[in-house]
């Protein structure tokens, strides 16, 4: 059989969606100019061009154009809305700082900014609704079967059943192994094994099945090959679903090397353009925040100097991205400045903490100098909190996947911190919980998630009972 590269299934549909979105942005602008009888200005060309390019860029970065058949409408709406708001924010900032024509104060442009996302979201929702209605009437539906009554197959079954509007009609499982539920971990009440592989071949030839999903273990390579060869004598579509959930996937994705497809098991989300987005985010927000906190930092520095002997700032060695050692800045809050092979975590009532330092630690104000780390590039505003080198060496052998936290830059705040894992981690379970959220952040990173974490940190970060 001829060899070929793996291609995206819905690339043409995605291209059409981008074209329609761009058309809505352009036509709405032109229609409002005509409605308000506004005078055309050359700057409008650049505004339209940049708004369209920026929207498409951020929509693509948020996966707004992935196949919607297996995703929820709310996720698509959130991606579209985020892309538009971000694009307009950049345009407004460019107008205020660089162009200085204040074009966005014109009434028709203000209406365009508000109306366009409503139209974009509406057409995405309407398309889904119409296709869902057609599929509920039996149009463009697919009768699907799963080979392999296992945990992965059960998960795929739930996905089909949770998205009935997508047009997938699940027939049942086919498995050569005995009985009702070959895997003891499965719920026998929900697993419906309708036959063996031999029966599946007959059903496919009879036109009962439109698509087959193979969820067998990776070790069953010979069996999978035999099944696919038999299915080649039918007209069904065949999909191989690799049992990658055996692994602790970290930001998994597939890449193509001249037709050879590889799937990453452990990977950083900040590869390629994402690294530039993350760095741009850190530079802009760090500068803005440092301007806001410059005066408070000045008075904190005075307070540290007047209330105890020693330097104002404390620099401790931590692990950064890829395990490289970095120096993390903090306001000194203790009598000691430990930075060696033995570092004792701060505990409640710790005698080493100064009176003023206790206030700084409770309110997280001792972390403010780390915005210089973020601006300099050794840290990020959002990411896994950096631990002392001594603590890393202690926990890396006790918690599986601990060092995967270092696939990204350490952060001033993170997903673990807004979920209660801040301050002392006096038990292994607490540290494991923090690591679990850190890895979840790496798996699900997006610019929108970063902004959400920053917003929640502002709300909750200054009243955490676990910080001392």
Protein backbone atom coordinates (compact mmCIF):
# COMPACT_ATOMS: atom_id res chain seq x y z
CA UNK A 1 0.00 0.00 0.00
CA UNK A 2 1.26 3.52 -0.83
CA UNK A 3 2.78 5.56 1.96
CA UNK A 4 1.44 9.06 2.63
CA UNK A 5 1.67 11.82 5.17
CA UNK A 6 -1.06 12.41 7.76
CA UNK A 7 -3.01 15.56 6.89
CA UNK A 8 -5.53 17.61 8.77
CA UNK A 9 -9.02 16.31 8.03
CA UNK A 10 -10.83 19.65 8.01
CA UNK A 11 -8.29 22.11 6.58
CA UNK A 12 -10.59 23.30 3.76
CA UNK A 13 -13.50 23.84 6.16
CA UNK A 14 -11.18 25.79 8.46
CA UNK A 15 -10.02 27.95 5.55
CA UNK A 16 -13.66 28.69 4.65
CA UNK A 17 -14.43 29.63 8.27
CA UNK A 18 -11.52 32.07 8.33
CA UNK A 19 -12.68 33.60 5.07
CA UNK A 20 -16.22 34.12 6.38
CA UNK A 21 -14.95 35.66 9.63
CA UNK A 22 -12.72 38.06 7.69
CA UNK A 23 -15.64 38.96 5.44
CA UNK A 24 -17.84 39.78 8.44
CA UNK A 25 -15.19 42.11 9.87
CA UNK A 26 -14.75 43.91 6.54
CA UNK A 27 -18.41 44.11 5.44
CA UNK A 28 -19.63 45.31 8.85
CA UNK A 29 -17.09 48.14 8.79
CA UNK A 30 -18.08 49.19 5.24
CA UNK A 31 -21.80 48.97 5.99
CA UNK A 32 -21.45 51.21 9.06
CA UNK A 33 -19.44 53.79 7.10
CA UNK A 34 -22.28 53.95 4.60
CA UNK A 35 -24.95 54.02 7.32
CA UNK A 36 -23.29 56.86 9.22
CA UNK A 37 -22.20 58.57 5.97
CA UNK A 38 -18.72 58.91 7.45
CA UNK A 39 -15.85 60.27 5.39
CA UNK A 40 -13.39 57.61 4.30
CA UNK A 41 -9.87 57.99 5.70
CA UNK A 42 -6.72 56.16 4.57
CA UNK A 43 -6.09 55.05 8.17
CA UNK A 44 -9.21 52.87 7.91
CA UNK A 45 -7.42 50.58 5.45
CA UNK A 46 -4.72 49.85 8.01
CA UNK A 47 -7.32 49.42 10.76
CA UNK A 48 -9.23 46.86 8.71
CA UNK A 49 -6.10 45.04 7.61
CA UNK A 50 -4.60 44.82 11.09
CA UNK A 51 -7.87 43.93 12.80
CA UNK A 52 -8.42 41.07 10.34
CA UNK A 53 -4.86 39.78 10.58
CA UNK A 54 -4.74 40.04 14.37
CA UNK A 55 -8.13 38.42 14.79
CA UNK A 56 -7.17 35.49 12.57
CA UNK A 57 -3.86 35.13 14.38
CA UNK A 58 -5.36 35.04 17.87
CA UNK A 59 -8.33 32.90 16.76
CA UNK A 60 -5.91 30.34 15.34
CA UNK A 61 -3.79 30.47 18.51
CA UNK A 62 -6.93 29.64 20.53
CA UNK A 63 -7.89 26.75 18.19
CA UNK A 64 -11.08 28.52 17.13
CA UNK A 65 -10.97 26.76 13.75
CA UNK A 66 -10.41 23.21 14.88
CA UNK A 67 -13.06 20.65 13.97
CA UNK A 68 -16.12 21.70 15.98
CA UNK A 69 -17.69 18.29 15.76
CA UNK A 70 -15.91 17.13 18.88
CA UNK A 71 -15.89 20.42 20.82
CA UNK A 72 -18.41 22.48 22.77
CA UNK A 73 -19.96 25.68 21.45
CA UNK A 74 -18.92 27.61 24.57
CA UNK A 75 -15.26 26.84 23.86
CA UNK A 76 -15.57 28.13 20.30
CA UNK A 77 -17.39 31.28 21.44
CA UNK A 78 -14.74 31.97 24.11
CA UNK A 79 -11.96 31.58 21.53
CA UNK A 80 -13.65 33.93 19.03
CA UNK A 81 -14.45 36.55 21.67
CA UNK A 82 -10.94 36.46 23.11
CA UNK A 83 -9.40 36.82 19.63
CA UNK A 84 -11.52 39.88 18.85
CA UNK A 85 -11.02 41.61 22.20
CA UNK A 86 -7.26 41.08 22.04
CA UNK A 87 -7.04 42.32 18.45
CA UNK A 88 -9.03 45.47 19.24
CA UNK A 89 -7.02 46.13 22.40
CA UNK A 90 -3.79 46.11 20.39
CA UNK A 91 -5.31 48.40 17.74
CA UNK A 92 -6.59 50.89 20.32
CA UNK A 93 -3.20 50.94 22.07
CA UNK A 94 -1.46 51.47 18.73
CA UNK A 95 -3.81 54.35 17.94
CA UNK A 96 -3.32 56.00 21.34
CA UNK A 97 0.46 55.56 21.52
CA UNK A 98 1.72 55.56 17.91
CA UNK A 99 -0.82 56.87 15.39
CA UNK A 100 -2.60 59.30 17.77
CA UNK A 101 -5.54 59.96 15.45
CA UNK A 102 -8.12 58.80 18.06
CA UNK A 103 -10.09 57.13 15.30
CA UNK A 104 -11.69 54.73 17.78
CA UNK A 105 -13.62 57.58 19.37
CA UNK A 106 -15.78 57.84 16.23
CA UNK A 107 -19.34 56.57 16.94
CA UNK A 108 -19.51 54.20 13.97
CA UNK A 109 -16.18 52.57 14.89
CA UNK A 110 -17.33 52.09 18.48
CA UNK A 111 -20.44 50.35 17.13
CA UNK A 112 -18.27 48.26 14.78
CA UNK A 113 -16.15 47.11 17.73
CA UNK A 114 -19.27 46.03 19.65
CA UNK A 115 -21.34 44.66 16.75
CA UNK A 116 -18.67 42.59 14.98
CA UNK A 117 -18.07 40.01 17.75
CA UNK A 118 -21.85 39.59 18.11
CA UNK A 119 -22.05 38.77 14.39
CA UNK A 120 -19.03 36.46 14.52
CA UNK A 121 -20.38 34.51 17.49
CA UNK A 122 -23.87 34.42 15.97
CA UNK A 123 -22.77 32.91 12.68
CA UNK A 124 -20.64 30.28 14.41
CA UNK A 125 -23.60 29.38 16.64
CA UNK A 126 -26.10 29.40 13.76
CA UNK A 127 -23.97 27.06 11.64
CA UNK A 128 -23.74 24.64 14.54
CA UNK A 129 -27.48 24.89 15.21
CA UNK A 130 -28.44 24.27 11.58
CA UNK A 131 -26.07 21.33 11.19
CA UNK A 132 -27.23 19.94 14.53
CA UNK A 133 -30.87 20.16 13.43
CA UNK A 134 -30.09 18.46 10.12
CA UNK A 135 -28.23 15.68 11.88
CA UNK A 136 -31.05 15.23 14.39
CA UNK A 137 -33.28 14.56 11.36
CA UNK A 138 -30.85 11.94 10.09
CA UNK A 139 -28.92 14.05 7.58
CA UNK A 140 -25.13 13.69 7.46
CA UNK A 141 -25.03 11.27 10.39
CA UNK A 142 -22.44 8.52 10.83
CA UNK A 143 -23.02 5.14 12.43
CA UNK A 144 -19.84 4.39 14.36
CA UNK A 145 -18.45 1.29 16.03
CA UNK A 146 -15.50 0.84 18.37
CA UNK A 147 -13.06 -2.06 18.24
CA UNK A 148 -11.80 -2.69 21.76
CA UNK A 149 -13.97 -2.79 24.88
CA UNK A 150 -11.44 -1.01 27.08
CA UNK A 151 -11.06 2.17 29.09
CA UNK A 152 -10.06 4.22 26.04
CA UNK A 153 -13.03 2.88 24.09
CA UNK A 154 -15.38 3.73 26.95
CA UNK A 155 -14.01 7.27 27.01
CA UNK A 156 -14.59 7.60 23.27
CA UNK A 157 -18.11 6.24 23.68
CA UNK A 158 -18.91 8.92 26.25
CA UNK A 159 -17.62 11.57 23.86
CA UNK A 160 -20.00 10.35 21.14
CA UNK A 161 -22.94 10.27 23.54
CA UNK A 162 -22.17 13.69 25.07
CA UNK A 163 -22.18 15.32 21.62
CA UNK A 164 -25.25 13.81 19.96
CA UNK A 165 -25.66 16.98 17.90
CA UNK A 166 -22.40 16.13 16.10
CA UNK A 167 -24.13 13.39 14.13
CA UNK A 168 -22.28 10.36 15.51
CA UNK A 169 -24.58 7.40 16.18
CA UNK A 170 -22.81 4.84 18.33
CA UNK A 171 -23.69 1.22 17.49
CA UNK A 172 -21.58 -0.65 20.01
CA UNK A 173 -18.28 -2.36 20.78
CA UNK A 174 -16.75 -5.22 18.84
CA UNK A 175 -14.19 -7.35 20.64
CA UNK A 176 -12.84 -10.89 20.14
CA UNK A 177 -12.37 -11.30 23.85
CA UNK A 178 -15.15 -12.97 25.73
CA UNK A 179 -18.25 -11.67 27.12
CA UNK A 180 -19.95 -8.58 28.16
CA UNK A 181 -17.00 -6.55 29.46
CA UNK A 182 -13.51 -7.95 28.87
CA UNK A 183 -11.90 -5.22 30.98
CA UNK A 184 -12.77 -5.48 34.68
CA UNK A 185 -12.31 -1.73 35.14
CA UNK A 186 -15.27 -1.02 32.87
CA UNK A 187 -18.90 -0.48 33.82
CA UNK A 188 -20.74 -3.57 32.58
CA UNK A 189 -24.01 -1.65 32.50
CA UNK A 190 -22.73 0.83 29.87
CA UNK A 191 -20.46 -1.38 27.75
CA UNK A 192 -22.39 -3.05 24.95
CA UNK A 193 -20.29 -5.65 23.12
CA UNK A 194 -22.42 -6.48 20.07
CA UNK A 195 -20.08 -8.98 18.47
CA UNK A 196 -16.61 -10.12 17.54
CA UNK A 197 -14.38 -8.73 14.79
CA UNK A 198 -15.73 -11.28 12.32
CA UNK A 199 -19.22 -9.92 12.91
CA UNK A 200 -17.94 -6.35 12.46
CA UNK A 201 -16.58 -7.19 9.01
CA UNK A 202 -19.98 -8.58 8.04
CA UNK A 203 -21.79 -5.50 9.41
CA UNK A 204 -19.43 -3.18 7.53
CA UNK A 205 -20.00 -5.03 4.27
CA UNK A 206 -23.75 -4.92 4.89
CA UNK A 207 -23.66 -1.15 5.28
CA UNK A 208 -24.66 -1.19 8.96
CA UNK A 209 -21.49 0.65 10.04
CA UNK A 210 -20.12 3.86 8.47
CA UNK A 211 -16.98 4.38 10.56
CA UNK A 212 -14.81 2.21 12.79
CA UNK A 213 -12.59 3.47 15.61
CA UNK A 214 -9.82 1.14 16.77
CA UNK A 215 -8.89 1.64 20.44
CA UNK A 216 -6.69 -1.41 20.96
CA UNK A 217 -3.47 -1.22 22.96
CA UNK A 218 -0.28 -0.17 21.18
CA UNK A 219 1.14 -3.63 21.86
CA UNK A 220 -1.53 -5.16 19.59
CA UNK A 221 0.21 -3.96 16.42
CA UNK A 222 -0.12 -7.25 14.52
CA UNK A 223 -3.78 -7.57 15.44
CA UNK A 224 -4.49 -3.99 14.37
CA UNK A 225 -2.76 -4.58 11.03
CA UNK A 226 -4.79 -7.76 10.43
CA UNK A 227 -8.06 -5.93 11.23
CA UNK A 228 -7.29 -2.97 8.98
CA UNK A 229 -6.42 -5.32 6.11
CA UNK A 230 -9.80 -7.02 6.49
CA UNK A 231 -11.59 -3.65 6.69
CA UNK A 232 -9.88 -2.67 3.42
CA UNK A 233 -12.41 -4.98 1.76
CA UNK A 234 -15.21 -2.67 2.92
CA UNK A 235 -16.12 0.97 2.30
CA UNK A 236 -16.09 2.14 5.94
CA UNK A 237 -13.87 4.90 7.25
CA UNK A 238 -11.31 3.56 9.72
CA UNK A 239 -9.70 5.58 12.52
CA UNK A 240 -6.87 4.48 14.78
CA UNK A 241 -7.10 5.94 18.29
CA UNK A 242 -3.67 5.41 19.96
CA UNK A 243 -3.85 4.51 23.63
CA UNK A 244 -1.65 7.48 24.57
CA UNK A 245 -3.44 7.90 27.88
CA UNK A 246 -1.16 5.14 29.14
CA UNK A 247 1.40 7.95 29.37
CA UNK A 248 1.28 11.10 31.46
CA UNK A 249 0.98 13.33 28.40
CA UNK A 250 2.36 16.85 28.76
CA UNK A 251 1.14 19.26 26.07
CA UNK A 252 0.96 16.43 23.55
CA UNK A 253 0.77 17.27 19.86
CA UNK A 254 1.61 15.66 16.55
CA UNK A 255 4.30 16.91 14.20
CA UNK A 256 5.09 15.99 10.63
CA UNK A 257 8.64 15.47 9.32
CA UNK A 258 8.27 15.19 5.53
CA UNK A 259 5.47 12.66 5.82
CA UNK A 260 6.70 10.93 8.98
CA UNK A 261 4.30 11.71 11.82
CA UNK A 262 5.46 11.84 15.45
CA UNK A 263 3.45 12.43 18.62
CA UNK A 264 5.10 14.25 21.49
CA UNK A 265 4.73 12.79 24.97
CA UNK A 266 6.50 15.53 26.95
CA UNK A 267 6.69 18.95 25.32
CA UNK A 268 6.63 22.60 26.30
CA UNK A 269 3.66 24.67 25.09
CA UNK A 270 6.06 27.55 24.40
CA UNK A 271 7.53 26.32 21.15
CA UNK A 272 7.61 28.48 18.03
CA UNK A 273 5.25 31.46 17.98
CA UNK A 274 3.86 30.65 21.43
CA UNK A 275 7.23 31.47 22.98
CA UNK A 276 7.08 34.94 21.41
CA UNK A 277 3.50 35.46 22.63
CA UNK A 278 4.45 34.44 26.16
CA UNK A 279 7.56 36.66 26.17
CA UNK A 280 5.63 39.62 24.77
CA UNK A 281 3.00 39.09 27.48
CA UNK A 282 5.65 39.06 30.22
CA UNK A 283 7.43 42.19 28.96
CA UNK A 284 4.28 44.29 28.54
CA UNK A 285 2.64 43.24 31.82
CA UNK A 286 5.89 43.43 33.81
CA UNK A 287 6.52 47.01 32.68
CA UNK A 288 2.93 48.01 33.48
CA UNK A 289 2.99 46.35 36.89
CA UNK A 290 6.43 47.70 37.84
CA UNK A 291 5.22 51.23 37.05
CA UNK A 292 2.25 50.68 39.38
CA UNK A 293 4.25 49.17 42.25
CA UNK A 294 7.40 51.32 42.08
CA UNK A 295 6.36 53.60 44.96
CA UNK A 296 5.08 50.75 47.22
CA UNK A 297 8.34 48.87 46.57
CA UNK A 298 10.32 51.93 47.64
CA UNK A 299 8.54 52.10 51.00
CA UNK A 300 8.79 48.31 51.47
CA UNK A 301 12.54 48.53 50.92
CA UNK A 302 12.76 51.22 53.62
CA UNK A 303 10.67 49.04 55.95
CA UNK A 304 12.94 46.03 55.46
CA UNK A 305 16.06 48.10 56.13
CA UNK A 306 14.69 49.78 59.27
CA UNK A 307 13.22 46.66 60.92
CA UNK A 308 16.14 44.22 60.70
CA UNK A 309 19.81 43.94 59.84
CA UNK A 310 20.83 42.68 56.45
CA UNK A 311 20.25 43.39 52.75
CA UNK A 312 16.93 44.64 51.39
CA UNK A 313 16.78 42.01 48.67
CA UNK A 314 17.33 38.29 49.01
CA UNK A 315 18.46 36.29 45.97
CA UNK A 316 17.98 32.55 46.13
CA UNK A 317 19.07 29.93 43.60
CA UNK A 318 16.17 28.12 41.97
CA UNK A 319 15.65 25.89 38.94
CA UNK A 320 14.38 27.71 35.86
CA UNK A 321 13.25 26.46 32.47
CA UNK A 322 14.92 23.19 31.41
CA UNK A 323 16.39 22.85 34.88
CA UNK A 324 18.87 25.73 34.51
CA UNK A 325 19.74 27.53 37.75
CA UNK A 326 18.49 31.11 38.13
CA UNK A 327 18.59 33.74 40.88
CA UNK A 328 15.11 34.66 42.14
CA UNK A 329 14.66 38.10 43.75
CA UNK A 330 12.59 38.69 46.88
CA UNK A 331 12.36 41.25 49.64
CA UNK A 332 14.18 39.75 52.60
CA UNK A 333 11.66 38.59 55.20
CA UNK A 334 13.90 36.48 57.45
CA UNK A 335 16.92 36.97 59.67
CA UNK A 336 18.75 34.35 57.57
CA UNK A 337 19.36 34.09 53.82
CA UNK A 338 19.60 30.35 53.21
CA UNK A 339 20.70 29.33 49.74
CA UNK A 340 22.60 26.08 50.07
CA UNK A 341 22.05 22.36 49.98
CA UNK A 342 19.89 22.51 53.10
CA UNK A 343 16.95 24.93 53.01
CA UNK A 344 14.22 24.73 55.65
CA UNK A 345 10.73 25.77 54.54
CA UNK A 346 9.07 28.55 56.48
CA UNK A 347 6.44 27.31 58.93
CA UNK A 348 3.75 28.95 61.03
CA UNK A 349 5.36 30.86 63.91
CA UNK A 350 8.85 30.49 62.39
CA UNK A 351 11.29 32.42 64.62
CA UNK A 352 13.50 33.26 61.64
CA UNK A 353 10.80 35.51 60.14
CA UNK A 354 10.97 39.19 61.07
CA UNK A 355 7.88 41.05 62.25
CA UNK A 356 7.76 43.13 59.06
CA UNK A 357 8.70 40.04 57.03
CA UNK A 358 5.67 38.18 58.38
CA UNK A 359 3.45 40.93 56.98
CA UNK A 360 5.24 40.81 53.64
CA UNK A 361 4.92 37.03 53.37
CA UNK A 362 1.25 37.00 54.40
CA UNK A 363 0.38 39.57 51.74
CA UNK A 364 2.85 38.21 49.12
CA UNK A 365 4.49 41.62 48.92
CA UNK A 366 7.88 39.96 49.39
CA UNK A 367 7.45 38.49 45.87
CA UNK A 368 7.19 41.88 44.11
CA UNK A 369 10.88 42.06 43.03
CA UNK A 370 10.29 38.95 40.92
CA UNK A 371 8.72 41.18 38.29
CA UNK A 372 12.32 42.16 37.52
CA UNK A 373 12.98 38.43 36.95
CA UNK A 374 9.99 38.32 34.63
CA UNK A 375 11.10 41.42 32.74
CA UNK A 376 14.62 40.02 32.42
CA UNK A 377 13.38 36.69 31.07
CA UNK A 378 14.47 34.24 33.78
CA UNK A 379 10.90 33.95 35.06
CA UNK A 380 7.38 34.47 33.77
CA UNK A 381 4.48 36.20 35.48
CA UNK A 382 2.41 33.00 35.31
CA UNK A 383 3.95 29.55 35.69
CA UNK A 384 4.88 26.94 38.30
CA UNK A 385 6.34 28.52 41.43
CA UNK A 386 10.13 27.99 41.64
CA UNK A 387 11.32 25.89 44.56
CA UNK A 388 14.68 25.99 46.28
CA UNK A 389 17.25 23.69 44.68
CA UNK A 390 17.37 21.59 47.84
CA UNK A 391 13.61 21.04 47.70
CA UNK A 392 13.78 20.07 44.03
CA UNK A 393 16.35 17.41 44.74
CA UNK A 394 14.20 16.11 47.59
CA UNK A 395 10.91 15.87 45.73
CA UNK A 396 12.03 14.84 42.23
CA UNK A 397 12.57 11.27 43.44
CA UNK A 398 9.28 11.15 45.40
CA UNK A 399 6.75 12.66 42.98
CA UNK A 400 6.42 11.26 39.47
CA UNK A 401 6.73 13.95 36.81
CA UNK A 402 8.01 16.54 39.28
CA UNK A 403 10.77 17.81 36.98
CA UNK A 404 8.31 18.27 34.10
CA UNK A 405 7.34 21.53 35.83
CA UNK A 406 10.56 22.88 34.35
CA UNK A 407 9.36 22.51 30.75
CA UNK A 408 8.25 26.16 31.19
CA UNK A 409 9.68 29.18 33.00
CA UNK A 410 8.81 29.42 36.70
CA UNK A 411 6.18 32.00 37.54
CA UNK A 412 5.31 34.59 40.18
CA UNK A 413 1.84 33.05 40.41
CA UNK A 414 0.26 29.99 38.89
CA UNK A 415 -2.69 27.65 38.64
CA UNK A 416 -1.66 25.87 41.84
CA UNK A 417 -1.58 29.12 43.81
CA UNK A 418 -5.11 30.22 42.88
CA UNK A 419 -6.34 26.74 43.82
CA UNK A 420 -5.04 26.90 47.38
CA UNK A 421 -1.56 25.40 47.02
CA UNK A 422 0.37 28.42 48.19
CA UNK A 423 2.77 28.85 51.06
CA UNK A 424 4.06 25.94 53.12
CA UNK A 425 3.95 22.46 51.61
CA UNK A 426 4.58 20.52 54.80
CA UNK A 427 3.38 17.16 53.46
CA UNK A 428 4.15 15.12 50.37
CA UNK A 429 0.46 15.20 49.41
CA UNK A 430 0.44 19.00 49.38
CA UNK A 431 3.48 19.12 47.13
CA UNK A 432 1.96 16.45 44.87
CA UNK A 433 -1.20 18.57 44.64
CA UNK A 434 0.84 21.62 43.65
CA UNK A 435 2.70 19.61 41.00
CA UNK A 436 -0.59 18.26 39.65
CA UNK A 437 -1.89 21.79 39.03
CA UNK A 438 1.47 22.87 37.58
CA UNK A 439 1.33 20.07 35.00
CA UNK A 440 -2.31 20.87 34.26
CA UNK A 441 -1.27 24.45 33.51
CA UNK A 442 1.37 23.25 31.05
CA UNK A 443 -1.13 20.92 29.38
CA UNK A 444 -3.85 23.56 28.99
CA UNK A 445 -1.89 26.80 28.59
CA UNK A 446 -3.42 29.68 26.70
CA UNK A 447 -3.10 33.45 26.87
CA UNK A 448 -6.66 33.58 28.20
CA UNK A 449 -5.72 31.18 31.02
CA UNK A 450 -2.77 33.40 31.97
CA UNK A 451 -5.00 36.48 32.20
CA UNK A 452 -7.54 34.55 34.28
CA UNK A 453 -4.85 33.42 36.73
CA UNK A 454 -3.50 36.97 37.04
CA UNK A 455 -7.00 38.33 37.71
CA UNK A 456 -7.73 35.68 40.36
CA UNK A 457 -4.34 36.30 41.97
CA UNK A 458 -5.18 39.98 42.38
CA UNK A 459 -8.46 38.98 44.07
CA UNK A 460 -7.19 36.15 46.28
CA UNK A 461 -3.42 36.52 46.45
CA UNK A 462 -3.34 39.03 49.31
CA UNK A 463 -5.41 37.03 51.78
CA UNK A 464 -4.06 33.50 51.74
CA UNK A 465 -4.14 31.80 55.14
CA UNK A 466 -1.52 29.24 54.10
CA UNK A 467 1.25 31.79 53.52
CA UNK A 468 3.68 32.46 56.36
